N, C-alpha and C. Protein backbone atom coordinates (compact mmCIF):
# COMPACT_ATOMS: atom_id res chain seq x y z
N MET A 1 117.81 54.69 73.18
CA MET A 1 117.16 56.44 73.55
C MET A 1 118.46 56.78 73.50
N PRO A 2 118.55 57.83 72.17
CA PRO A 2 119.75 58.77 71.97
C PRO A 2 120.43 59.05 72.26
N LEU A 3 121.97 59.30 72.32
CA LEU A 3 122.45 59.99 73.53
C LEU A 3 122.03 61.87 73.56
N GLY A 4 122.31 62.19 72.61
CA GLY A 4 121.99 63.21 72.36
C GLY A 4 120.90 64.08 73.28
N LEU A 5 119.20 63.15 73.04
CA LEU A 5 118.40 63.65 73.85
C LEU A 5 117.92 63.24 75.36
N ILE A 6 119.15 62.41 75.51
CA ILE A 6 119.70 62.47 77.29
C ILE A 6 120.05 63.03 77.79
N LEU A 7 121.65 63.83 77.14
CA LEU A 7 121.85 64.74 76.68
C LEU A 7 121.35 66.66 76.95
N SER A 8 120.67 66.45 76.43
CA SER A 8 120.24 67.54 76.62
C SER A 8 118.47 67.65 77.01
N SER A 9 117.89 66.52 77.01
CA SER A 9 117.08 66.77 79.23
C SER A 9 117.93 66.94 79.72
N ILE A 10 119.36 66.09 79.77
CA ILE A 10 119.80 66.97 81.16
C ILE A 10 120.41 68.28 81.51
N GLY A 11 120.81 68.94 80.62
CA GLY A 11 120.66 69.90 80.33
C GLY A 11 119.68 70.91 79.75
N ARG A 12 118.07 70.68 80.10
CA ARG A 12 117.29 72.02 80.66
C ARG A 12 117.45 71.73 81.98
N SER A 13 117.52 70.11 82.78
CA SER A 13 117.45 70.50 84.08
C SER A 13 118.10 70.96 84.94
N MET A 14 119.91 70.71 84.09
CA MET A 14 120.33 71.38 84.99
C MET A 14 120.66 72.78 84.89
N ARG A 15 119.67 73.50 83.97
CA ARG A 15 119.91 74.95 83.81
C ARG A 15 119.34 75.83 84.67
N ARG A 16 120.00 77.30 85.11
CA ARG A 16 119.21 77.70 86.37
C ARG A 16 118.65 78.55 85.75
N LYS A 17 117.07 79.12 86.59
CA LYS A 17 116.52 80.01 86.15
C LYS A 17 116.66 81.48 87.07
N ARG A 18 115.89 82.11 86.42
CA ARG A 18 116.14 83.68 86.63
C ARG A 18 115.68 83.85 87.84
N THR A 19 116.23 84.29 89.37
CA THR A 19 115.89 84.03 90.88
C THR A 19 115.77 85.34 90.90
N SER A 20 116.15 86.38 90.36
CA SER A 20 115.77 87.88 90.36
C SER A 20 114.15 88.12 90.17
N SER A 21 113.61 87.57 88.74
CA SER A 21 112.28 87.37 88.60
C SER A 21 111.34 86.14 89.47
N LEU A 22 111.48 85.72 90.77
CA LEU A 22 111.04 84.81 91.38
C LEU A 22 110.87 85.65 92.97
N ASN A 23 111.97 86.34 93.65
CA ASN A 23 111.16 87.45 94.55
C ASN A 23 110.92 88.16 94.28
N ILE A 24 110.21 88.36 93.08
CA ILE A 24 109.29 89.62 92.72
C ILE A 24 108.07 89.05 93.07
N LEU A 25 107.09 89.24 94.53
CA LEU A 25 105.81 89.59 94.60
C LEU A 25 104.86 90.82 93.90
N SER A 26 103.72 90.08 92.59
CA SER A 26 103.21 90.87 92.54
C SER A 26 101.81 90.59 92.84
N SER A 27 100.95 91.08 92.57
CA SER A 27 99.02 90.94 92.34
C SER A 27 98.92 89.50 91.79
N LYS A 28 99.95 89.83 90.83
CA LYS A 28 99.71 87.64 89.16
C LYS A 28 100.02 86.71 90.79
N ARG A 29 101.12 86.81 91.49
CA ARG A 29 102.22 85.43 91.80
C ARG A 29 101.30 84.95 93.17
N ALA A 30 100.28 86.00 94.01
CA ALA A 30 99.91 86.18 94.40
C ALA A 30 98.61 85.41 95.06
N PRO A 31 97.95 85.19 96.98
CA PRO A 31 96.41 84.86 96.33
C PRO A 31 95.95 85.79 95.76
N ARG A 32 94.65 85.21 95.43
CA ARG A 32 93.23 86.53 95.06
C ARG A 32 93.23 88.12 95.41
N ASP A 33 92.94 87.53 96.83
CA ASP A 33 93.41 89.17 97.86
C ASP A 33 94.22 90.07 97.91
N TYR A 34 95.47 89.53 97.57
CA TYR A 34 96.37 90.10 98.05
C TYR A 34 96.59 91.44 97.34
N TYR A 35 96.92 92.76 97.60
CA TYR A 35 96.72 94.21 97.13
C TYR A 35 98.68 94.84 97.68
N LYS A 36 99.01 94.84 96.84
CA LYS A 36 100.30 95.56 97.53
C LYS A 36 100.28 96.81 97.74
N GLY A 37 99.65 97.15 96.82
CA GLY A 37 99.43 98.90 96.87
C GLY A 37 100.79 99.94 96.16
N LYS A 38 101.07 100.71 96.61
CA LYS A 38 101.87 101.98 96.05
C LYS A 38 103.01 102.59 97.19
N ASN A 39 103.55 101.58 97.98
CA ASN A 39 104.26 101.19 98.79
C ASN A 39 103.79 102.91 99.75
N CYS A 40 102.69 103.73 99.89
CA CYS A 40 102.29 104.66 100.83
C CYS A 40 101.92 104.27 102.58
N LYS A 41 101.66 105.24 103.10
CA LYS A 41 101.29 104.63 104.38
C LYS A 41 100.40 105.31 104.73
N PRO A 42 99.33 104.54 105.06
CA PRO A 42 98.34 104.74 105.29
C PRO A 42 97.79 106.01 106.36
N THR A 43 96.92 107.13 105.52
CA THR A 43 96.39 107.81 106.95
C THR A 43 95.47 107.92 107.29
N GLY A 44 94.56 107.21 107.78
CA GLY A 44 93.44 107.18 108.36
C GLY A 44 92.74 104.74 108.26
N PHE A 45 91.84 104.87 108.67
CA PHE A 45 91.40 103.69 108.61
C PHE A 45 89.44 103.51 107.89
N HIS A 46 89.21 102.37 107.77
CA HIS A 46 87.65 102.60 106.78
C HIS A 46 86.90 102.20 107.58
N THR A 47 85.55 102.49 107.81
CA THR A 47 84.56 102.29 108.66
C THR A 47 84.18 101.24 108.55
N ARG A 48 82.70 100.39 109.04
CA ARG A 48 82.25 99.55 108.26
C ARG A 48 81.08 99.90 106.96
N LYS A 49 80.56 101.05 107.21
CA LYS A 49 79.79 101.10 106.33
C LYS A 49 80.38 102.23 104.53
N GLY A 50 81.91 102.23 105.19
CA GLY A 50 82.30 101.56 103.63
C GLY A 50 83.10 104.15 103.29
N GLY A 51 83.18 103.75 104.48
CA GLY A 51 83.65 105.69 104.90
C GLY A 51 84.75 105.49 104.62
N TYR A 52 85.77 106.58 105.11
CA TYR A 52 87.11 106.71 105.53
C TYR A 52 87.36 108.22 106.62
N VAL A 53 87.79 107.61 107.41
CA VAL A 53 88.04 108.68 108.26
C VAL A 53 89.92 109.21 108.92
N MET A 54 90.14 110.40 108.41
CA MET A 54 91.39 110.64 108.33
C MET A 54 91.93 110.98 110.20
N VAL A 55 92.95 110.48 110.61
CA VAL A 55 93.93 110.32 111.63
C VAL A 55 94.80 111.23 111.16
N ASP A 56 94.45 112.57 111.98
CA ASP A 56 95.33 113.56 111.88
C ASP A 56 96.59 113.19 112.27
N ALA A 57 96.83 112.33 113.44
CA ALA A 57 97.98 111.88 113.96
C ALA A 57 99.13 111.18 112.71
N LYS A 58 98.45 110.72 111.93
CA LYS A 58 99.00 110.41 110.82
C LYS A 58 99.29 110.65 109.39
N LEU A 59 99.22 111.93 109.40
CA LEU A 59 99.34 112.74 108.70
C LEU A 59 100.80 113.63 108.02
N PRO A 60 100.84 113.40 107.35
CA PRO A 60 102.95 114.32 107.13
C PRO A 60 103.02 115.35 107.58
N ARG A 61 104.34 115.66 108.65
CA ARG A 61 104.30 117.47 108.82
C ARG A 61 104.89 117.92 107.97
N PHE A 62 104.98 118.07 107.04
CA PHE A 62 106.24 119.27 107.29
C PHE A 62 106.93 120.20 107.47
N VAL A 63 108.38 120.46 107.76
CA VAL A 63 109.19 121.08 108.39
C VAL A 63 109.58 122.33 106.98
N VAL A 64 109.07 123.12 106.76
CA VAL A 64 110.31 123.83 106.03
C VAL A 64 110.53 125.67 106.27
N PRO A 65 111.32 125.87 106.37
CA PRO A 65 112.73 127.14 107.33
C PRO A 65 111.71 128.28 105.86
N ASP A 66 112.46 129.22 106.68
CA ASP A 66 111.87 130.36 106.55
C ASP A 66 112.80 131.02 105.57
N LEU A 67 112.94 131.47 103.92
CA LEU A 67 113.68 131.24 103.27
C LEU A 67 113.01 133.14 102.58
N THR A 68 112.98 133.98 103.61
CA THR A 68 112.33 135.12 102.86
C THR A 68 114.16 135.53 102.40
N ASP A 69 114.84 136.06 103.54
CA ASP A 69 115.99 136.59 102.78
C ASP A 69 117.41 136.06 101.73
N PHE A 70 116.72 134.92 101.55
CA PHE A 70 117.73 133.53 101.34
C PHE A 70 118.19 134.26 99.38
N LYS A 71 118.82 134.25 99.17
CA LYS A 71 119.78 135.01 97.87
C LYS A 71 119.50 133.16 97.25
N LEU A 72 119.89 132.64 97.00
CA LEU A 72 119.73 131.44 95.42
C LEU A 72 117.73 131.56 95.60
N LYS A 73 117.64 131.07 93.92
CA LYS A 73 116.44 131.29 93.64
C LYS A 73 115.99 129.67 93.04
N PRO A 74 114.81 129.52 93.79
CA PRO A 74 114.38 128.30 93.51
C PRO A 74 115.01 127.18 91.67
N TYR A 75 115.55 127.65 91.28
CA TYR A 75 114.94 127.08 90.01
C TYR A 75 116.40 127.59 88.99
N VAL A 76 117.10 126.96 88.26
CA VAL A 76 118.15 126.86 87.38
C VAL A 76 117.87 126.62 86.19
N SER A 77 118.52 128.02 85.09
CA SER A 77 117.94 127.62 83.49
C SER A 77 119.21 126.03 83.58
N GLN A 78 118.58 126.00 82.21
CA GLN A 78 119.80 124.76 81.61
C GLN A 78 120.41 125.62 80.97
N CYS A 79 119.65 126.46 79.91
CA CYS A 79 120.83 127.75 79.51
C CYS A 79 121.50 128.85 80.30
N ALA A 80 121.64 128.28 81.23
CA ALA A 80 122.16 129.56 81.74
C ALA A 80 123.39 130.21 81.43
N ARG A 81 123.40 131.81 81.81
CA ARG A 81 124.17 132.68 80.96
C ARG A 81 125.46 132.84 81.91
N ASP A 82 126.45 132.48 81.57
CA ASP A 82 127.92 132.92 81.72
C ASP A 82 128.65 133.97 82.48
N GLU A 83 128.01 135.30 83.50
CA GLU A 83 128.38 136.72 83.33
C GLU A 83 129.55 136.24 83.80
N LEU A 84 130.54 135.55 84.84
CA LEU A 84 131.34 135.43 85.50
C LEU A 84 132.55 134.59 84.07
N GLY A 85 132.15 134.74 83.20
CA GLY A 85 133.45 134.36 82.27
C GLY A 85 134.20 135.77 82.32
N ALA A 86 134.71 136.22 82.00
CA ALA A 86 135.20 137.49 81.39
C ALA A 86 136.34 137.64 82.80
N SER A 87 136.13 137.80 83.78
CA SER A 87 136.84 137.15 84.95
C SER A 87 137.57 136.51 85.20
N SER A 88 136.67 134.87 84.93
CA SER A 88 138.40 133.89 84.69
C SER A 88 139.11 133.74 83.02
N THR A 89 138.52 134.35 82.61
CA THR A 89 139.35 134.14 81.39
C THR A 89 140.95 135.01 82.37
N GLU A 90 140.49 136.34 83.04
CA GLU A 90 141.47 137.07 83.09
C GLU A 90 142.34 136.68 84.97
N ASN A 91 141.86 135.53 84.75
CA ASN A 91 143.21 134.56 85.60
C ASN A 91 143.53 134.12 85.11
N LYS A 92 143.74 133.18 84.16
CA LYS A 92 143.98 132.61 83.23
C LYS A 92 145.17 132.97 82.95
N ASN A 93 145.02 134.05 82.24
CA ASN A 93 146.20 135.14 81.82
C ASN A 93 147.44 135.06 82.86
């Protein structure tokens, strides 16, 4: 057997495999009945007859503060005008 074939086969066996792709568990690498989902919490449960019951304790509760007298706007445009430009140039001189 030529030396080149032996060295190339040893090199192939010693070559590192990517471990990052092996750690990812997807439905293609898992058993047939595996369902990964989208990282969401269940808000209820399935019944025997195929229905779904929503549990009120599992629904998310959002606490929103009262913003009636809040001075800032919720959106800032990307092409906003600089209204303080005149005062900033006077401070430099």
